[in-house]
Protein backbone atom coordinates (compact mmCIF):
# COMPACT_ATOMS: atom_id res chain seq x y z
CA UNK A 1 -33.65 53.45 -26.86
CA UNK A 2 -36.87 53.10 -28.84
CA UNK A 3 -36.53 54.27 -32.42
CA UNK A 4 -39.03 54.51 -35.26
CA UNK A 5 -39.09 54.76 -39.02
CA UNK A 6 -41.92 55.85 -41.31
CA UNK A 7 -41.50 54.54 -44.85
CA UNK A 8 -43.60 56.32 -47.48
CA UNK A 9 -43.77 53.99 -50.47
CA UNK A 10 -45.65 53.80 -53.75
CA UNK A 11 -48.43 51.66 -52.24
CA UNK A 12 -48.24 52.03 -48.48
CA UNK A 13 -47.05 54.28 -45.68
CA UNK A 14 -45.65 52.19 -42.82
CA UNK A 15 -44.54 52.86 -39.27
CA UNK A 16 -42.23 50.61 -37.28
CA UNK A 17 -41.32 51.32 -33.67
CA UNK A 18 -38.63 49.01 -32.32
CA UNK A 19 -36.00 48.67 -29.62
CA UNK A 20 -32.74 46.70 -29.27
CA UNK A 21 -33.16 43.16 -27.97
CA UNK A 22 -30.74 40.20 -27.86
CA UNK A 23 -28.48 41.58 -30.55
CA UNK A 24 -31.39 42.39 -32.85
CA UNK A 25 -34.63 44.36 -32.82
CA UNK A 26 -37.88 43.80 -30.97
CA UNK A 27 -41.00 45.22 -32.60
CA UNK A 28 -43.01 47.54 -30.36
CA UNK A 29 -45.57 48.83 -32.87
CA UNK A 30 -46.24 48.43 -36.57
CA UNK A 31 -48.85 50.35 -38.56
CA UNK A 32 -49.66 50.39 -42.27
CA UNK A 33 -51.90 52.60 -44.39
CA UNK A 34 -52.60 52.15 -48.10
CA UNK A 35 -51.87 55.62 -49.47
CA UNK A 36 -51.29 54.59 -53.15
CA UNK A 37 -49.10 57.53 -54.17
CA UNK A 38 -47.84 55.74 -57.27
CA UNK A 39 -51.35 55.01 -58.52
CA UNK A 40 -52.49 58.60 -57.95
CA UNK A 41 -49.92 60.37 -60.17
CA UNK A 42 -51.56 62.51 -62.83
CA UNK A 43 -50.70 62.76 -66.53
CA UNK A 44 -47.82 65.13 -65.71
CA UNK A 45 -46.34 62.82 -63.08
CA UNK A 46 -47.49 64.99 -60.17
CA UNK A 47 -49.07 63.89 -56.90
CA UNK A 48 -52.62 65.35 -56.62
CA UNK A 49 -53.34 67.83 -53.83
CA UNK A 50 -55.85 65.44 -52.24
CA UNK A 51 -53.26 62.65 -52.06
CA UNK A 52 -50.66 65.00 -50.58
CA UNK A 53 -53.13 66.02 -47.87
CA UNK A 54 -54.11 62.41 -47.15
CA UNK A 55 -50.50 61.22 -46.89
CA UNK A 56 -49.62 64.15 -44.62
CA UNK A 57 -52.53 63.22 -42.32
CA UNK A 58 -51.44 59.58 -42.22
CA UNK A 59 -47.84 60.51 -41.40
CA UNK A 60 -48.98 62.95 -38.69
CA UNK A 61 -51.03 60.17 -37.07
CA UNK A 62 -48.11 57.74 -37.26
CA UNK A 63 -45.70 60.29 -35.77
CA UNK A 64 -48.13 60.75 -32.89
CA UNK A 65 -48.42 56.98 -32.39
CA UNK A 66 -44.64 56.60 -32.38
CA UNK A 67 -44.25 59.24 -29.71
CA UNK A 68 -47.05 57.74 -27.63
CA UNK A 69 -45.05 54.49 -27.62
CA UNK A 70 -41.91 56.14 -26.30
CA UNK A 71 -40.02 56.73 -29.53
CA UNK A 72 -36.96 58.93 -28.95
CA UNK A 73 -35.55 58.93 -32.50
CA UNK A 74 -37.65 59.03 -35.65
CA UNK A 75 -36.66 58.88 -39.31
CA UNK A 76 -39.12 59.51 -42.17
CA UNK A 77 -38.14 58.35 -45.65
CA UNK A 78 -39.76 58.40 -49.08
CA UNK A 79 -39.00 56.04 -51.94
CA UNK A 80 -39.66 55.61 -55.67
CA UNK A 81 -43.03 57.34 -56.03
CA UNK A 82 -41.84 60.53 -54.35
CA UNK A 83 -38.43 60.71 -56.00
CA UNK A 84 -40.08 60.32 -59.43
CA UNK A 85 -42.98 62.68 -58.80
CA UNK A 86 -42.80 66.06 -60.49
CA UNK A 87 -43.85 67.70 -57.22
CA UNK A 88 -42.21 65.45 -54.66
CA UNK A 89 -40.85 68.53 -52.87
CA UNK A 90 -44.44 69.69 -52.33
CA UNK A 91 -45.24 66.51 -50.42
CA UNK A 92 -42.07 66.89 -48.33
CA UNK A 93 -43.14 70.46 -47.47
CA UNK A 94 -46.64 69.27 -46.51
CA UNK A 95 -45.14 66.65 -44.19
CA UNK A 96 -43.05 69.32 -42.48
CA UNK A 97 -46.09 71.57 -42.02
CA UNK A 98 -48.68 68.93 -41.05
CA UNK A 99 -46.56 66.34 -39.21
CA UNK A 100 -43.58 68.39 -38.10
CA UNK A 101 -41.02 66.06 -39.70
CA UNK A 102 -38.30 66.44 -42.32
CA UNK A 103 -38.73 63.56 -44.73
CA UNK A 104 -35.70 62.28 -46.63
CA UNK A 105 -36.31 61.14 -50.20
CA UNK A 106 -33.98 58.18 -50.70
CA UNK A 107 -32.01 57.55 -53.85
CA UNK A 108 -32.31 54.09 -55.35
CA UNK A 109 -28.82 53.26 -54.09
CA UNK A 110 -29.57 54.33 -50.52
CA UNK A 111 -32.85 52.41 -50.57
CA UNK A 112 -30.95 49.27 -51.64
CA UNK A 113 -28.31 49.78 -48.93
CA UNK A 114 -30.88 50.19 -46.16
CA UNK A 115 -32.83 47.14 -47.32
CA UNK A 116 -29.62 45.10 -47.27
CA UNK A 117 -28.63 46.10 -43.75
CA UNK A 118 -32.17 45.70 -42.44
CA UNK A 119 -32.33 42.15 -43.74
CA UNK A 120 -28.74 41.08 -43.08
CA UNK A 121 -28.75 42.22 -39.45
CA UNK A 122 -32.01 40.47 -38.56
CA UNK A 123 -31.43 37.06 -40.19
CA UNK A 124 -31.02 34.18 -37.77
CA UNK A 125 -28.49 32.70 -38.11
CA UNK A 126 -26.59 35.68 -39.54
CA UNK A 127 -25.24 35.16 -43.05
CA UNK A 128 -21.62 34.00 -43.05
CA UNK A 129 -20.85 34.62 -46.72
CA UNK A 130 -22.18 36.86 -49.44
CA UNK A 131 -25.85 37.78 -49.39
CA UNK A 132 -28.20 39.19 -52.03
CA UNK A 133 -31.24 41.15 -50.84
CA UNK A 134 -34.11 41.84 -53.23
CA UNK A 135 -36.45 44.60 -52.04
CA UNK A 136 -39.70 44.54 -54.01
CA UNK A 137 -41.61 47.79 -53.71
CA UNK A 138 -44.61 49.24 -55.47
CA UNK A 139 -42.71 51.45 -57.90
CA UNK A 140 -39.20 50.00 -57.91
CA UNK A 141 -37.15 46.95 -57.00
CA UNK A 142 -33.72 47.22 -55.43
CA UNK A 143 -31.08 44.50 -55.40
CA UNK A 144 -28.05 44.72 -53.13
CA UNK A 145 -25.21 42.22 -52.78
CA UNK A 146 -22.60 42.21 -50.02
CA UNK A 147 -21.72 40.72 -46.66
CA UNK A 148 -21.97 41.61 -43.00
CA UNK A 149 -18.23 42.24 -42.89
CA UNK A 150 -17.95 44.42 -46.01
CA UNK A 151 -21.44 45.87 -46.30
CA UNK A 152 -22.95 46.44 -49.75
CA UNK A 153 -20.47 45.84 -52.58
CA UNK A 154 -22.98 46.05 -55.47
CA UNK A 155 -26.46 47.54 -55.77
CA UNK A 156 -28.93 48.76 -58.33
CA UNK A 157 -32.48 50.09 -58.47
CA UNK A 158 -34.84 48.88 -61.20
CA UNK A 159 -37.94 50.74 -62.40
CA UNK A 160 -40.34 47.86 -61.87
CA UNK A 161 -42.53 47.01 -58.88
CA UNK A 162 -45.80 45.48 -57.79
CA UNK A 163 -47.88 48.58 -58.58
CA UNK A 164 -46.36 49.15 -62.00
CA UNK A 165 -46.89 45.49 -62.91
CA UNK A 166 -50.46 45.50 -61.59
CA UNK A 167 -51.29 48.56 -63.67
CA UNK A 168 -51.00 46.45 -66.81
CA UNK A 169 -53.48 43.80 -65.66
CA UNK A 170 -56.86 43.47 -67.32
CA UNK A 171 -58.64 41.70 -64.45
CA UNK A 172 -58.61 41.05 -60.69
CA UNK A 173 -57.41 38.41 -60.06
CA UNK A 174 -54.94 38.60 -62.98
CA UNK A 175 -55.64 36.34 -65.93
CA UNK A 176 -53.04 33.86 -67.24
CA UNK A 177 -52.33 36.37 -70.03
CA UNK A 178 -51.80 39.11 -67.43
CA UNK A 179 -49.34 36.93 -65.53
CA UNK A 180 -47.49 36.14 -68.73
CA UNK A 181 -47.17 39.86 -69.54
CA UNK A 182 -45.94 40.62 -66.01
CA UNK A 183 -43.28 37.91 -66.22
CA UNK A 184 -42.14 39.26 -69.58
CA UNK A 185 -41.94 42.81 -68.25
CA UNK A 186 -39.96 41.65 -65.20
CA UNK A 187 -37.52 39.74 -67.40
CA UNK A 188 -37.10 42.83 -69.57
CA UNK A 189 -36.49 45.06 -66.53
CA UNK A 190 -33.65 42.86 -65.25
CA UNK A 191 -32.14 41.95 -68.62
CA UNK A 192 -28.43 42.70 -68.85
CA UNK A 193 -28.14 43.68 -65.19
CA UNK A 194 -25.10 41.43 -64.56
CA UNK A 195 -26.10 40.86 -60.93
CA UNK A 196 -23.23 39.25 -58.96
CA UNK A 197 -23.74 35.77 -57.53
CA UNK A 198 -24.18 35.27 -53.78
CA UNK A 199 -24.09 32.42 -51.29
CA UNK A 200 -27.60 33.22 -50.05
CA UNK A 201 -30.51 35.41 -51.15
CA UNK A 202 -33.58 36.80 -49.44
CA UNK A 203 -36.49 38.90 -50.66
CA UNK A 204 -38.23 41.61 -48.65
CA UNK A 205 -41.17 43.85 -49.42
């Protein structure tokens, strides 16, 4: 059965259509659009009407592409930018009206769990011991630790990501001073987290 997921993030909106193959997944179609929800938030933390309309159009097009490629099950999820937005429910309503889908806004814990299982089940060879998965997004970073046998045993979402770090840069490309500030902010974000050790670690984004 071909399945698809649309992931609405702080920077991008992505579609993946895949099907089971040799104990894993085989990619059928992948699309990405830079919708920059996190960057668009106004002074009150709300997503502007124009951005809501643009994201709804992108998702509608991706839903159509998924169905054209034989998708029989589709899941649409939103992450940090939507769950923090003052009007995230308005975007969810626009997606239902424009694209005909019910989007699920993930909690930080659920986002970490899904990132862990997505990575752990596609590694070759599969991890035999404990595994840490670091999911770097635009508006947040999730860390999950666990194993294939037990699933996630520890997870946490941190309010730091590529878009939030980039917002503090003074130039493009970042200057050495910009990089130094980003490293300091990252260290501050993870300070005192008491992340458990693991036999292996991977990063996804």
